[in-house]
Amino acid sequence: MNQDLFSSPEFQKLHPVKKQIIQELASTNQNMSPEMMLAKVMAINKELSKRSLNFTKEESALLIRIMKQNMSAADRQKVDLLMGLLNR
């Protein structure tokens, strides 16, 4: 896990619940496939929604960057493709 991302100003500005979710996810994302990652992100968004919270576009980008850091180049490309399809 890349500690630079966790010490970045954008991460430090996050709501404490969002920080906790991202840190937990980053610690469990070893060997996570792009499809599993996408399902996890959707579940996180649903959980945040129940708490009247949501990720901004920038926060979502940070979450994806953190999750992609342990992936192979091929899996990172797949994530980029999936995210491109979702953001249409």
N, C-alpha and C. Protein backbone atom coordinates (compact mmCIF):
# COMPACT_ATOMS: atom_id res chain seq x y z
N MET A 1 0.84 -1.18 0.00
CA MET A 1 0.00 0.00 0.00
C MET A 1 0.88 1.24 0.00
N ASN A 2 0.54 2.19 -0.80
CA ASN A 2 1.34 3.39 -0.97
C ASN A 2 0.98 4.44 0.08
N GLN A 3 1.84 4.61 1.05
CA GLN A 3 1.59 5.55 2.14
C GLN A 3 1.53 7.00 1.65
N ASP A 4 2.17 7.30 0.51
CA ASP A 4 2.12 8.66 -0.02
C ASP A 4 0.68 9.10 -0.29
N LEU A 5 -0.14 8.17 -0.78
CA LEU A 5 -1.53 8.52 -1.05
C LEU A 5 -2.28 8.83 0.24
N PHE A 6 -1.96 8.12 1.31
CA PHE A 6 -2.64 8.35 2.58
C PHE A 6 -2.17 9.63 3.27
N SER A 7 -1.01 10.10 2.92
CA SER A 7 -0.54 11.35 3.51
C SER A 7 -0.81 12.55 2.60
N SER A 8 -1.42 12.30 1.45
CA SER A 8 -1.71 13.38 0.51
C SER A 8 -2.77 14.32 1.08
N PRO A 9 -2.72 15.58 0.70
CA PRO A 9 -3.72 16.55 1.17
C PRO A 9 -5.15 16.13 0.83
N GLU A 10 -5.34 15.53 -0.36
CA GLU A 10 -6.69 15.14 -0.74
C GLU A 10 -7.24 14.05 0.17
N PHE A 11 -6.38 13.13 0.61
CA PHE A 11 -6.83 12.09 1.53
C PHE A 11 -7.09 12.67 2.91
N GLN A 12 -6.24 13.57 3.35
CA GLN A 12 -6.38 14.15 4.68
C GLN A 12 -7.67 14.98 4.82
N LYS A 13 -8.20 15.50 3.72
CA LYS A 13 -9.42 16.31 3.75
C LYS A 13 -10.70 15.47 3.84
N LEU A 14 -10.58 14.17 3.66
CA LEU A 14 -11.76 13.31 3.63
C LEU A 14 -12.47 13.25 4.98
N HIS A 15 -13.76 13.00 4.91
CA HIS A 15 -14.57 12.74 6.09
C HIS A 15 -13.98 11.50 6.79
N PRO A 16 -13.95 11.46 8.11
CA PRO A 16 -13.35 10.32 8.83
C PRO A 16 -13.91 8.96 8.43
N VAL A 17 -15.19 8.88 8.15
CA VAL A 17 -15.79 7.60 7.73
C VAL A 17 -15.22 7.18 6.37
N LYS A 18 -15.08 8.14 5.48
CA LYS A 18 -14.53 7.85 4.16
C LYS A 18 -13.08 7.40 4.28
N LYS A 19 -12.31 8.06 5.13
CA LYS A 19 -10.91 7.65 5.35
C LYS A 19 -10.84 6.21 5.83
N GLN A 20 -11.67 5.89 6.79
CA GLN A 20 -11.67 4.54 7.36
C GLN A 20 -12.01 3.50 6.29
N ILE A 21 -13.03 3.77 5.49
CA ILE A 21 -13.44 2.84 4.44
C ILE A 21 -12.31 2.62 3.44
N ILE A 22 -11.67 3.70 3.02
CA ILE A 22 -10.59 3.58 2.05
C ILE A 22 -9.40 2.82 2.64
N GLN A 23 -9.06 3.10 3.88
CA GLN A 23 -7.93 2.41 4.51
C GLN A 23 -8.22 0.92 4.66
N GLU A 24 -9.43 0.58 5.07
CA GLU A 24 -9.79 -0.84 5.19
C GLU A 24 -9.76 -1.53 3.84
N LEU A 25 -10.28 -0.86 2.85
CA LEU A 25 -10.31 -1.43 1.51
C LEU A 25 -8.89 -1.62 0.97
N ALA A 26 -8.04 -0.65 1.18
CA ALA A 26 -6.66 -0.73 0.70
C ALA A 26 -5.92 -1.89 1.36
N SER A 27 -6.23 -2.16 2.62
CA SER A 27 -5.53 -3.24 3.31
C SER A 27 -6.04 -4.61 2.90
N THR A 28 -7.22 -4.68 2.27
CA THR A 28 -7.78 -5.97 1.87
C THR A 28 -7.81 -6.17 0.36
N ASN A 29 -7.25 -5.26 -0.40
CA ASN A 29 -7.38 -5.37 -1.85
C ASN A 29 -6.28 -6.18 -2.52
N GLN A 30 -5.48 -6.88 -1.76
CA GLN A 30 -4.45 -7.73 -2.35
C GLN A 30 -5.12 -8.77 -3.24
N ASN A 31 -4.64 -8.90 -4.46
CA ASN A 31 -5.13 -9.91 -5.41
C ASN A 31 -6.62 -9.75 -5.74
N MET A 32 -7.13 -8.54 -5.69
CA MET A 32 -8.53 -8.30 -6.04
C MET A 32 -8.62 -8.08 -7.55
N SER A 33 -9.51 -8.81 -8.19
CA SER A 33 -9.70 -8.64 -9.63
C SER A 33 -10.44 -7.33 -9.90
N PRO A 34 -10.35 -6.82 -11.12
CA PRO A 34 -11.07 -5.59 -11.44
C PRO A 34 -12.58 -5.72 -11.21
N GLU A 35 -13.13 -6.89 -11.53
CA GLU A 35 -14.56 -7.09 -11.34
C GLU A 35 -14.92 -7.07 -9.85
N MET A 36 -14.08 -7.69 -9.04
CA MET A 36 -14.31 -7.69 -7.59
C MET A 36 -14.18 -6.27 -7.04
N MET A 37 -13.20 -5.53 -7.57
CA MET A 37 -12.98 -4.17 -7.13
C MET A 37 -14.21 -3.31 -7.45
N LEU A 38 -14.73 -3.46 -8.65
CA LEU A 38 -15.91 -2.69 -9.05
C LEU A 38 -17.09 -3.01 -8.15
N ALA A 39 -17.31 -4.28 -7.86
CA ALA A 39 -18.40 -4.68 -6.97
C ALA A 39 -18.20 -4.08 -5.57
N LYS A 40 -16.97 -4.07 -5.11
CA LYS A 40 -16.66 -3.52 -3.79
C LYS A 40 -16.94 -2.02 -3.75
N VAL A 41 -16.53 -1.31 -4.78
CA VAL A 41 -16.76 0.14 -4.85
C VAL A 41 -18.26 0.43 -4.85
N MET A 42 -19.02 -0.36 -5.58
CA MET A 42 -20.47 -0.16 -5.62
C MET A 42 -21.09 -0.42 -4.24
N ALA A 43 -20.61 -1.44 -3.55
CA ALA A 43 -21.10 -1.74 -2.20
C ALA A 43 -20.76 -0.61 -1.23
N ILE A 44 -19.56 -0.07 -1.37
CA ILE A 44 -19.14 1.05 -0.52
C ILE A 44 -20.03 2.26 -0.76
N ASN A 45 -20.29 2.57 -2.02
CA ASN A 45 -21.15 3.70 -2.34
C ASN A 45 -22.56 3.52 -1.77
N LYS A 46 -23.06 2.29 -1.81
CA LYS A 46 -24.37 2.00 -1.25
C LYS A 46 -24.38 2.21 0.27
N GLU A 47 -23.31 1.75 0.93
CA GLU A 47 -23.20 1.91 2.38
C GLU A 47 -23.08 3.39 2.76
N LEU A 48 -22.29 4.14 2.02
CA LEU A 48 -22.17 5.57 2.28
C LEU A 48 -23.50 6.28 2.10
N SER A 49 -24.22 5.88 1.09
CA SER A 49 -25.52 6.47 0.82
C SER A 49 -26.48 6.29 2.00
N LYS A 50 -26.40 5.15 2.67
CA LYS A 50 -27.23 4.90 3.85
C LYS A 50 -26.89 5.88 4.98
N ARG A 51 -25.66 6.38 4.98
CA ARG A 51 -25.21 7.31 6.01
C ARG A 51 -25.30 8.76 5.54
N SER A 52 -25.98 8.97 4.44
CA SER A 52 -26.14 10.30 3.84
C SER A 52 -24.79 10.89 3.44
N LEU A 53 -23.88 10.03 3.00
CA LEU A 53 -22.58 10.46 2.49
C LEU A 53 -22.42 9.91 1.08
N ASN A 54 -21.52 10.50 0.33
CA ASN A 54 -21.15 9.95 -0.96
C ASN A 54 -19.76 10.45 -1.33
N PHE A 55 -19.13 9.73 -2.23
CA PHE A 55 -17.81 10.15 -2.70
C PHE A 55 -17.99 11.16 -3.83
N THR A 56 -17.21 12.22 -3.78
CA THR A 56 -17.18 13.15 -4.90
C THR A 56 -16.42 12.48 -6.03
N LYS A 57 -16.43 13.09 -7.17
CA LYS A 57 -15.69 12.55 -8.32
C LYS A 57 -14.20 12.43 -7.98
N GLU A 58 -13.66 13.43 -7.31
CA GLU A 58 -12.24 13.43 -6.94
C GLU A 58 -11.94 12.34 -5.91
N GLU A 59 -12.84 12.18 -4.94
CA GLU A 59 -12.65 11.14 -3.93
C GLU A 59 -12.74 9.75 -4.54
N SER A 60 -13.64 9.59 -5.50
CA SER A 60 -13.75 8.31 -6.20
C SER A 60 -12.47 8.00 -6.97
N ALA A 61 -11.90 9.02 -7.59
CA ALA A 61 -10.65 8.84 -8.34
C ALA A 61 -9.53 8.42 -7.39
N LEU A 62 -9.48 9.01 -6.20
CA LEU A 62 -8.48 8.64 -5.21
C LEU A 62 -8.68 7.19 -4.77
N LEU A 63 -9.92 6.80 -4.53
CA LEU A 63 -10.24 5.43 -4.14
C LEU A 63 -9.77 4.44 -5.20
N ILE A 64 -10.05 4.74 -6.45
CA ILE A 64 -9.65 3.86 -7.55
C ILE A 64 -8.13 3.79 -7.65
N ARG A 65 -7.45 4.92 -7.51
CA ARG A 65 -5.97 4.92 -7.55
C ARG A 65 -5.40 4.03 -6.47
N ILE A 66 -5.94 4.12 -5.27
CA ILE A 66 -5.45 3.31 -4.16
C ILE A 66 -5.69 1.83 -4.44
N MET A 67 -6.86 1.52 -4.96
CA MET A 67 -7.19 0.12 -5.22
C MET A 67 -6.36 -0.47 -6.36
N LYS A 68 -6.00 0.35 -7.33
CA LYS A 68 -5.26 -0.13 -8.50
C LYS A 68 -3.77 -0.33 -8.22
N GLN A 69 -3.25 0.22 -7.15
CA GLN A 69 -1.81 0.23 -6.95
C GLN A 69 -1.18 -1.16 -6.85
N ASN A 70 -1.92 -2.18 -6.43
CA ASN A 70 -1.35 -3.53 -6.32
C ASN A 70 -1.73 -4.43 -7.49
N MET A 71 -2.34 -3.86 -8.52
CA MET A 71 -2.78 -4.65 -9.67
C MET A 71 -1.71 -4.71 -10.75
N SER A 72 -1.84 -5.73 -11.57
CA SER A 72 -0.96 -5.83 -12.74
C SER A 72 -1.37 -4.75 -13.74
N ALA A 73 -0.50 -4.51 -14.71
CA ALA A 73 -0.79 -3.50 -15.73
C ALA A 73 -2.06 -3.88 -16.51
N ALA A 74 -2.24 -5.15 -16.79
CA ALA A 74 -3.42 -5.60 -17.52
C ALA A 74 -4.70 -5.36 -16.72
N ASP A 75 -4.64 -5.64 -15.42
CA ASP A 75 -5.80 -5.42 -14.57
C ASP A 75 -6.10 -3.93 -14.41
N ARG A 76 -5.05 -3.10 -14.34
CA ARG A 76 -5.26 -1.66 -14.25
C ARG A 76 -5.96 -1.14 -15.52
N GLN A 77 -5.56 -1.68 -16.67
CA GLN A 77 -6.20 -1.29 -17.93
C GLN A 77 -7.67 -1.69 -17.93
N LYS A 78 -7.94 -2.88 -17.41
CA LYS A 78 -9.32 -3.37 -17.35
C LYS A 78 -10.16 -2.46 -16.45
N VAL A 79 -9.60 -2.04 -15.32
CA VAL A 79 -10.31 -1.13 -14.42
C VAL A 79 -10.60 0.18 -15.13
N ASP A 80 -9.61 0.71 -15.83
CA ASP A 80 -9.80 1.97 -16.56
C ASP A 80 -10.93 1.83 -17.60
N LEU A 81 -10.98 0.69 -18.27
CA LEU A 81 -12.01 0.44 -19.24
C LEU A 81 -13.37 0.36 -18.57
N LEU A 82 -13.47 -0.39 -17.47
CA LEU A 82 -14.74 -0.50 -16.74
C LEU A 82 -15.20 0.85 -16.22
N MET A 83 -14.27 1.64 -15.68
CA MET A 83 -14.63 2.94 -15.14
C MET A 83 -15.07 3.88 -16.27
N GLY A 84 -14.43 3.76 -17.41
CA GLY A 84 -14.84 4.56 -18.57
C GLY A 84 -16.26 4.25 -19.01
N LEU A 85 -16.62 2.97 -18.94
CA LEU A 85 -17.97 2.58 -19.30
C LEU A 85 -18.99 3.09 -18.28
N LEU A 86 -18.62 3.08 -17.03
CA LEU A 86 -19.53 3.55 -15.98
C LEU A 86 -19.72 5.05 -16.00
N ASN A 87 -18.72 5.78 -16.43
CA ASN A 87 -18.78 7.24 -16.40
C ASN A 87 -19.37 7.85 -17.66
N ARG A 88 -19.96 7.05 -18.50
CA ARG A 88 -20.56 7.60 -19.73
C ARG A 88 -21.80 8.36 -19.44
